[in-house]
Amino acid sequence: MDIASLGSRVDTLEQLTSLYREPGRGAVTKELDHLNDGMAAFVDRSPFLVLATSNGQGSVDASPRGGPAGFVRRLDERHVAIPDLNGNNRLDSYRNIVEHPYVGLLLMAPGRDETLRINGPAALTTDADLLAGFTKELRTPKMAIVVEVAEAYGHCAKAFRRGHMWNPDEWGKFADAPDLATMYACQWGFEEQVIRDDLEQSYEAGIAAD
C-alpha cells in the first residue's frame, strides 16, 4: 500500500469538518490552563501515563511512563514534574523535548475509564532541589521533565469502555495476544522462551534500580 495514492483522502480542513457535527459546548469549554482540585487529585493517584513528543520535523513518539501513585509531582497548579526512571537509554522522548519542547500527557488510573490530558511546554532539568522532592519510594532521579499546563482536561470513558480495558471478564479473550518475546523472536529469530526469561530478568533489575 502506498499512502500517497490512498483513495478518498481527506487532505483539507474543509473536508474534515464537513464530515462531523460541531462539538458540544462542554467539549469546547472543558479545557483549562491549570489543574483544578479534581485534576490535581487525579495526578496524585495516577501510576501511569503516556508521554507524547515530537522533534518538530515529522517524527513523533509516544512513551509509557509508570511508577507508584504520586510519581508525577505537582509543583503548583500549572506545573508537573515527571522523574527519569530506569530505561533503555534511547532517550527518544528527551531528544524530542530538547529539539521541540512541547509535550502531551495522558494520565490513567487502574479501574478508571476516564483519563486526564495535559498539554504544554516542557523542559528537562537536573535541579537538585526539584529532584529531591519526588516520592521516597523511588531513587532520586538524575533528571526530570517539567511540563507547564497550557491545556488540561478530562477525557471521557468511551475508548476504555469500548476496549474493555479494565473488565477482567474480557481479559481471557486476549490471552493469545503476543508478548514482546514473540515480537522479538519474529524480528531476530531467537527462541521465544529465552527472550522471555531475559526480559523478565531485565524488568526485575530495571525496576529494582528505580
Protein backbone atom coordinates (compact mmCIF):
# COMPACT_ATOMS: atom_id res chain seq x y z
CA MET A 1 0.00 0.00 0.00
CA ASP A 2 1.22 3.47 -0.88
CA ILE A 3 -0.27 6.07 1.46
CA ALA A 4 0.37 8.79 -1.13
CA SER A 5 -2.08 7.10 -3.52
CA LEU A 6 -4.70 6.25 -0.91
CA GLY A 7 -8.20 6.76 -2.29
CA SER A 8 -10.76 9.21 -0.89
CA ARG A 9 -8.14 11.03 1.15
CA VAL A 10 -9.16 13.82 3.47
CA ASP A 11 -6.50 16.45 2.80
CA THR A 12 -8.10 19.74 3.84
CA LEU A 13 -9.68 21.12 6.99
CA GLU A 14 -12.83 21.84 4.99
CA GLN A 15 -13.12 18.17 4.01
CA LEU A 16 -12.52 17.11 7.59
CA THR A 17 -15.03 19.41 9.26
CA SER A 18 -17.69 18.58 6.69
CA LEU A 19 -17.75 15.00 7.98
CA TYR A 20 -18.63 15.89 11.58
CA ARG A 21 -21.15 17.93 13.52
CA GLU A 22 -19.95 20.85 15.63
CA PRO A 23 -18.57 19.80 19.04
CA GLY A 24 -20.83 20.32 22.01
CA ARG A 25 -20.32 23.26 24.35
CA GLY A 26 -18.98 21.02 27.11
CA ALA A 27 -16.28 19.58 24.85
CA VAL A 28 -15.15 23.09 23.94
CA THR A 29 -15.27 24.72 27.38
CA LYS A 30 -13.83 21.90 29.50
CA GLU A 31 -10.24 22.89 28.73
CA LEU A 32 -8.33 24.73 31.49
CA ASP A 33 -4.87 26.29 31.70
CA HIS A 34 -4.32 24.93 35.21
CA LEU A 35 -5.13 21.91 37.35
CA ASN A 36 -8.33 22.21 39.35
CA ASP A 37 -8.70 20.28 42.61
CA GLY A 38 -10.13 17.20 40.92
CA MET A 39 -7.38 17.11 38.31
CA ALA A 40 -4.74 17.60 40.99
CA ALA A 41 -6.12 14.65 42.95
CA PHE A 42 -6.06 12.52 39.79
CA VAL A 43 -2.39 13.39 39.19
CA ASP A 44 -1.60 12.41 42.77
CA ARG A 45 -3.24 8.99 42.34
CA SER A 46 -2.13 8.17 38.80
CA PRO A 47 0.57 5.48 38.49
CA PHE A 48 0.80 5.55 34.69
CA LEU A 49 0.90 7.96 31.78
CA VAL A 50 1.75 8.14 28.11
CA LEU A 51 4.17 10.91 27.12
CA ALA A 52 3.81 12.20 23.55
CA THR A 53 6.65 14.19 21.99
CA SER A 54 7.78 15.35 18.57
CA ASN A 55 11.04 16.56 17.09
CA GLY A 56 9.07 19.14 15.09
CA GLN A 57 10.25 17.63 11.82
CA GLY A 58 7.69 14.87 11.29
CA SER A 59 8.92 12.33 13.84
CA VAL A 60 6.71 11.66 16.86
CA ASP A 61 7.00 9.37 19.87
CA ALA A 62 4.56 8.03 22.47
CA SER A 63 6.28 6.62 25.53
CA PRO A 64 4.70 4.88 28.54
CA ARG A 65 5.82 6.04 31.99
CA GLY A 66 4.88 4.36 35.26
CA GLY A 67 5.62 4.44 38.96
CA PRO A 68 3.96 4.42 42.36
CA ALA A 69 0.96 6.70 42.73
CA GLY A 70 2.37 10.20 43.11
CA PHE A 71 5.42 9.55 40.95
CA VAL A 72 4.31 12.56 38.92
CA ARG A 73 4.98 15.53 41.18
CA ARG A 74 2.74 18.57 41.20
CA LEU A 75 4.91 21.66 41.60
CA ASP A 76 1.93 24.05 41.58
CA GLU A 77 -1.40 24.34 39.78
CA ARG A 78 0.34 25.00 36.46
CA HIS A 79 3.38 22.70 36.54
CA VAL A 80 4.04 18.98 36.97
CA ALA A 81 7.33 17.09 37.00
CA ILE A 82 7.98 13.55 35.75
CA PRO A 83 11.06 11.74 37.09
CA ASP A 84 13.57 9.98 34.87
CA LEU A 85 13.38 6.31 35.80
CA ASN A 86 15.49 3.42 34.61
CA GLY A 87 15.02 2.86 30.86
CA ASN A 88 16.75 1.67 27.71
CA ASN A 89 18.81 4.87 27.21
CA ARG A 90 17.48 5.51 23.69
CA LEU A 91 16.44 8.93 25.01
CA ASP A 92 13.85 9.36 22.24
CA SER A 93 11.48 11.48 24.32
CA TYR A 94 14.29 13.55 25.82
CA ARG A 95 15.86 14.25 22.44
CA ASN A 96 12.48 15.41 21.17
CA ILE A 97 11.93 17.71 24.14
CA VAL A 98 15.35 19.29 23.61
CA GLU A 99 14.56 19.89 19.92
CA HIS A 100 10.84 20.68 20.23
CA PRO A 101 9.92 21.47 23.85
CA TYR A 102 6.19 20.73 23.85
CA VAL A 103 4.53 17.53 25.11
CA GLY A 104 1.20 15.82 25.57
CA LEU A 105 0.40 13.67 28.61
CA LEU A 106 -2.36 11.10 29.02
CA LEU A 107 -2.65 10.11 32.70
CA MET A 108 -4.52 6.97 33.74
CA ALA A 109 -5.55 5.23 36.94
CA PRO A 110 -6.36 1.50 37.23
CA GLY A 111 -10.09 0.87 37.17
CA ARG A 112 -10.91 4.38 35.97
CA ASP A 113 -12.20 4.61 32.41
CA GLU A 114 -11.78 8.39 32.38
CA THR A 115 -8.33 9.88 31.84
CA LEU A 116 -6.63 13.25 32.28
CA ARG A 117 -4.87 15.02 29.43
CA ILE A 118 -2.24 17.71 29.88
CA ASN A 119 -0.53 19.53 27.02
CA GLY A 120 2.07 22.23 27.24
CA PRO A 121 5.65 23.47 27.02
CA ALA A 122 8.26 21.19 28.58
CA ALA A 123 11.86 21.35 29.73
CA LEU A 124 14.44 18.96 31.14
CA THR A 125 16.07 19.80 34.46
CA THR A 126 18.75 18.48 36.81
CA ASP A 127 17.87 20.97 39.58
CA ALA A 128 18.88 19.24 42.81
CA ASP A 129 16.10 20.70 44.96
CA LEU A 130 13.42 19.71 42.45
CA LEU A 131 14.82 16.20 42.05
CA ALA A 132 14.94 15.69 45.82
CA GLY A 133 11.20 16.31 46.07
CA PHE A 134 9.99 13.15 44.34
CA THR A 135 8.44 10.27 46.26
CA LYS A 136 10.89 8.45 48.50
CA GLU A 137 9.63 5.14 47.09
CA LEU A 138 11.98 5.86 44.17
CA ARG A 139 15.64 6.71 43.94
CA THR A 140 16.46 10.35 43.34
CA PRO A 141 16.29 10.69 39.55
CA LYS A 142 19.16 12.13 37.56
CA MET A 143 16.77 14.31 35.57
CA ALA A 144 13.12 15.29 35.34
CA ILE A 145 10.68 16.63 32.77
CA VAL A 146 8.81 19.74 33.90
CA VAL A 147 5.60 20.40 31.99
CA GLU A 148 3.72 23.69 32.06
CA VAL A 149 -0.04 23.21 31.91
CA ALA A 150 -1.22 25.05 28.81
CA GLU A 151 -4.21 22.75 28.35
CA ALA A 152 -5.74 20.38 30.89
CA TYR A 153 -8.98 18.48 30.51
CA GLY A 154 -10.63 15.23 31.44
CA HIS A 155 -11.23 12.70 28.70
CA CYS A 156 -14.42 10.64 28.66
CA ALA A 157 -14.66 6.88 29.18
CA LYS A 158 -15.83 5.71 25.74
CA ALA A 159 -12.48 4.48 24.40
CA PHE A 160 -11.64 2.44 27.50
CA ARG A 161 -15.15 1.02 27.68
CA ARG A 162 -15.13 0.07 24.03
CA GLY A 163 -11.86 -1.75 24.58
CA HIS A 164 -12.98 -3.29 27.91
CA MET A 165 -9.61 -2.26 29.28
CA TRP A 166 -10.45 -2.73 32.96
CA ASN A 167 -13.06 -5.50 32.63
CA PRO A 168 -11.49 -8.75 33.92
CA ASP A 169 -14.28 -10.78 32.32
CA GLU A 170 -12.95 -9.73 28.91
CA TRP A 171 -9.25 -10.32 29.55
CA GLY A 172 -9.39 -14.00 28.64
CA LYS A 173 -10.19 -13.05 25.05
CA PHE A 174 -6.71 -11.57 24.77
CA ALA A 175 -4.77 -14.50 26.21
CA ASP A 176 -3.31 -15.21 22.77
CA ALA A 177 -2.06 -11.64 22.27
CA PRO A 178 1.69 -11.81 21.55
CA ASP A 179 4.08 -10.53 24.17
CA LEU A 180 7.34 -8.72 23.50
CA ALA A 181 9.24 -12.03 23.40
CA THR A 182 7.09 -13.20 20.48
CA MET A 183 7.64 -9.94 18.62
CA TYR A 184 11.39 -10.09 19.17
CA ALA A 185 11.51 -13.74 18.12
CA CYS A 186 9.85 -12.83 14.83
CA GLN A 187 12.31 -9.99 14.37
CA TRP A 188 15.56 -11.73 15.31
CA GLY A 189 14.81 -15.44 15.10
CA PHE A 190 15.79 -16.24 18.69
CA GLU A 191 13.92 -18.74 20.86
CA GLU A 192 10.89 -17.11 22.46
CA GLN A 193 11.32 -18.53 25.94
CA VAL A 194 14.96 -17.49 26.10
CA ILE A 195 13.96 -13.93 25.20
CA ARG A 196 11.07 -14.07 27.68
CA ASP A 197 13.37 -15.14 30.52
CA ASP A 198 15.91 -12.44 29.63
CA LEU A 199 13.19 -9.80 29.55
CA GLU A 200 11.88 -10.80 32.96
CA GLN A 201 15.36 -10.55 34.42
CA SER A 202 15.84 -7.12 32.85
CA TYR A 203 12.46 -5.95 34.16
CA GLU A 204 13.30 -7.01 37.69
CA ALA A 205 16.72 -5.38 37.55
CA GLY A 206 15.40 -2.19 36.00
CA ILE A 207 12.57 -1.74 38.49
CA ALA A 208 14.90 -2.53 41.39
CA ALA A 209 17.20 0.24 40.13
CA ASP A 210 14.37 2.76 40.49
